[in-house]
Amino acid sequence: MKVMVCFNLMQRVLLYFLSWKVRKITPFSYVSKLVLMFVFPAVDILHGQCVQLVQGDRATKKEYGDPIVSAMQWVERGADGIHIVNLDGAFGDANVNTAKIAEIIDSCDSTVQLGGGIRSIEDAIGWLELGVDRIIMSTYAVAEPKVVTQLSHEFGKERIIAGIDAKDNRVVVDGWVRDVGDVYEWAKIFEEKGAGMLLYTNVDVEGLCQGVNFEPVQKLMAHTDLPLIVSGGITTLADVHTLAAYDVHTIVLGSALYSGILSFEQTMEIVGRI
């Protein structure tokens, strides 16, 4: 098992202290601080290809080649980990990408977190035993919150992420079509059930490359003590800078990164790796 991204604040501070420096952040002025935020490029897999979708619509897909190559190149360029979305699993065929995902785990010396199509306790355990460092459950966690507790006890809460997909501050599941309640109430439930982290995806801006809606991020952080991963809409260096200032734990980069709108190297400069 690879060394996973640490949850302990002192360890995170030490990690960044070792690489801290006064650095110039374009287009921002000189910054001298510890930035405790991790960067995970997304590797979304559909029919064996690395893809990006807009608003989860398969008709909008753009292909970016072999997902194994994509994952390895992000790690080689300094990514803190890889965020895999098993889109075939989300669309109903959970096992079709198992071999490719296993090769990513074996090939990338980095943290791997995975979501998409986890619909049973057997699915969850299977991915964890395969070597995925952290699994993400949303629809299944809403349907069976007790599994969050069970898996956290068995595998460690640091390996269990509860996914919150939100439209207008309401949690949506089953392909983002069924409203199941208030975002903040579900955050509280998942925290009480033993999730180690929350993944917040703002469906309203996901894939559009039009920027982040920061207000719900701030409100969610005020409602939970869990480390927060933010996905959806991260488009500019200003977005990255603002989320770092909010003390977001991890950001997931997708469409803006693959389309070239957002510079990976400049993003890593903001969070202190360059």
Foldseek 3Di string as FASTA:
>chain_A
DFDADDPDPVVLVVVQVVQFDFDQFPPDGIDHDAQQEAEAEEQEADPQFGWAAQLLDPVRIDTDGGSLVVLQVVVVVPHQEYEYEDAVLQVPDLCPCVVSVLSSQVPHNHAYEYEGNPQDLCSVVVVVVSPHQAYEDEPNCLVPVLVLLVCCVVPNLLRYEYEAEDEPQFGADSSRPRTDGGNLVVQVSNVVSRHQEYEYEDSVAAPVLPADDCVVVLVNVVSDPHQYEYEGNHAELVRLLVCSVSVHNYYYDYDNPVVVRYDPVSSCVSNRPD
